[in-house]
Amino acid sequence: MASQAALKLVGKEDGDKQRALEAAIAQIDRAFGKGSVMKLGKA
């Protein structure tokens, strides 16, 4: 059971990180315009 609880916590942290990243990118896009930040591997 402990391993399942640990997996749930990791998943939640990843979701929080993803939301924070998206918010930061959105803020940069508003300040500097679309295309100012690109993810690696996307052209």
N, C-alpha and C. Protein backbone atom coordinates (compact mmCIF):
# COMPACT_ATOMS: atom_id res chain seq x y z
N MET A 1 0.82 -1.19 0.00
CA MET A 1 0.00 0.00 0.00
C MET A 1 0.86 1.26 0.00
N ALA A 2 1.98 1.22 0.66
CA ALA A 2 2.82 2.41 0.73
C ALA A 2 3.31 2.81 -0.66
N SER A 3 3.61 1.84 -1.50
CA SER A 3 4.10 2.18 -2.83
C SER A 3 3.02 2.86 -3.66
N GLN A 4 1.76 2.46 -3.50
CA GLN A 4 0.67 3.11 -4.23
C GLN A 4 0.50 4.55 -3.76
N ALA A 5 0.62 4.78 -2.46
CA ALA A 5 0.52 6.14 -1.94
C ALA A 5 1.66 7.00 -2.47
N ALA A 6 2.85 6.43 -2.54
CA ALA A 6 3.99 7.18 -3.06
C ALA A 6 3.79 7.51 -4.53
N LEU A 7 3.23 6.59 -5.29
CA LEU A 7 2.98 6.85 -6.70
C LEU A 7 1.97 7.98 -6.87
N LYS A 8 0.96 8.02 -6.03
CA LYS A 8 -0.03 9.09 -6.13
C LYS A 8 0.60 10.44 -5.82
N LEU A 9 1.49 10.50 -4.84
CA LEU A 9 2.13 11.76 -4.49
C LEU A 9 3.03 12.24 -5.62
N VAL A 10 3.75 11.34 -6.24
CA VAL A 10 4.63 11.72 -7.34
C VAL A 10 3.80 12.25 -8.49
N GLY A 11 2.69 11.61 -8.80
CA GLY A 11 1.82 12.07 -9.87
C GLY A 11 1.28 13.46 -9.60
N LYS A 12 0.92 13.74 -8.36
CA LYS A 12 0.40 15.06 -8.00
C LYS A 12 1.49 16.11 -8.14
N GLU A 13 2.69 15.79 -7.72
CA GLU A 13 3.80 16.74 -7.84
C GLU A 13 4.10 17.04 -9.29
N ASP A 14 4.05 16.03 -10.14
CA ASP A 14 4.30 16.24 -11.56
C ASP A 14 3.24 17.15 -12.16
N GLY A 15 2.00 16.97 -11.74
CA GLY A 15 0.92 17.82 -12.23
C GLY A 15 1.11 19.26 -11.79
N ASP A 16 1.55 19.45 -10.55
CA ASP A 16 1.81 20.80 -10.04
C ASP A 16 2.94 21.45 -10.82
N LYS A 17 3.97 20.69 -11.10
CA LYS A 17 5.11 21.22 -11.86
C LYS A 17 4.67 21.60 -13.27
N GLN A 18 3.85 20.76 -13.88
CA GLN A 18 3.37 21.03 -15.24
C GLN A 18 2.53 22.30 -15.27
N ARG A 19 1.64 22.47 -14.29
CA ARG A 19 0.81 23.68 -14.24
C ARG A 19 1.67 24.92 -14.02
N ALA A 20 2.68 24.81 -13.17
CA ALA A 20 3.58 25.94 -12.92
C ALA A 20 4.37 26.30 -14.17
N LEU A 21 4.82 25.29 -14.90
CA LEU A 21 5.55 25.53 -16.14
C LEU A 21 4.66 26.21 -17.17
N GLU A 22 3.44 25.72 -17.33
CA GLU A 22 2.51 26.32 -18.29
C GLU A 22 2.19 27.76 -17.91
N ALA A 23 2.04 28.04 -16.63
CA ALA A 23 1.76 29.41 -16.18
C ALA A 23 2.95 30.32 -16.47
N ALA A 24 4.16 29.84 -16.24
CA ALA A 24 5.35 30.64 -16.50
C ALA A 24 5.50 30.93 -17.99
N ILE A 25 5.27 29.92 -18.82
CA ILE A 25 5.37 30.11 -20.27
C ILE A 25 4.30 31.09 -20.75
N ALA A 26 3.09 30.98 -20.21
CA ALA A 26 2.02 31.90 -20.59
C ALA A 26 2.38 33.34 -20.22
N GLN A 27 2.98 33.52 -19.05
CA GLN A 27 3.38 34.86 -18.61
C GLN A 27 4.46 35.42 -19.53
N ILE A 28 5.43 34.61 -19.92
CA ILE A 28 6.48 35.05 -20.83
C ILE A 28 5.89 35.38 -22.19
N ASP A 29 4.95 34.56 -22.67
CA ASP A 29 4.30 34.83 -23.96
C ASP A 29 3.56 36.16 -23.93
N ARG A 30 2.89 36.47 -22.81
CA ARG A 30 2.18 37.75 -22.71
C ARG A 30 3.17 38.92 -22.70
N ALA A 31 4.30 38.75 -22.05
CA ALA A 31 5.26 39.84 -21.93
C ALA A 31 6.08 40.05 -23.20
N PHE A 32 6.46 38.96 -23.87
CA PHE A 32 7.40 39.06 -24.99
C PHE A 32 6.82 38.61 -26.32
N GLY A 33 5.60 38.09 -26.34
CA GLY A 33 4.96 37.67 -27.58
C GLY A 33 5.08 36.17 -27.79
N LYS A 34 4.12 35.66 -28.57
CA LYS A 34 4.11 34.22 -28.85
C LYS A 34 5.37 33.82 -29.60
N GLY A 35 5.86 32.64 -29.32
CA GLY A 35 7.05 32.15 -29.99
C GLY A 35 8.34 32.53 -29.29
N SER A 36 8.26 33.29 -28.21
CA SER A 36 9.48 33.68 -27.50
C SER A 36 10.06 32.52 -26.71
N VAL A 37 9.22 31.54 -26.38
CA VAL A 37 9.67 30.34 -25.68
C VAL A 37 9.24 29.14 -26.51
N MET A 38 10.20 28.26 -26.78
CA MET A 38 9.88 27.04 -27.53
C MET A 38 10.39 25.85 -26.75
N LYS A 39 9.63 24.77 -26.76
CA LYS A 39 10.08 23.54 -26.13
C LYS A 39 11.09 22.87 -27.05
N LEU A 40 12.09 22.23 -26.46
CA LEU A 40 13.10 21.54 -27.25
C LEU A 40 12.44 20.44 -28.08
N GLY A 41 12.88 20.31 -29.30
CA GLY A 41 12.35 19.28 -30.18
C GLY A 41 11.16 19.74 -31.00
N LYS A 42 10.71 20.98 -30.78
CA LYS A 42 9.61 21.53 -31.57
C LYS A 42 10.12 22.75 -32.31
N ALA A 43 9.93 22.75 -33.59
CA ALA A 43 10.42 23.88 -34.39
C ALA A 43 9.28 24.68 -34.96
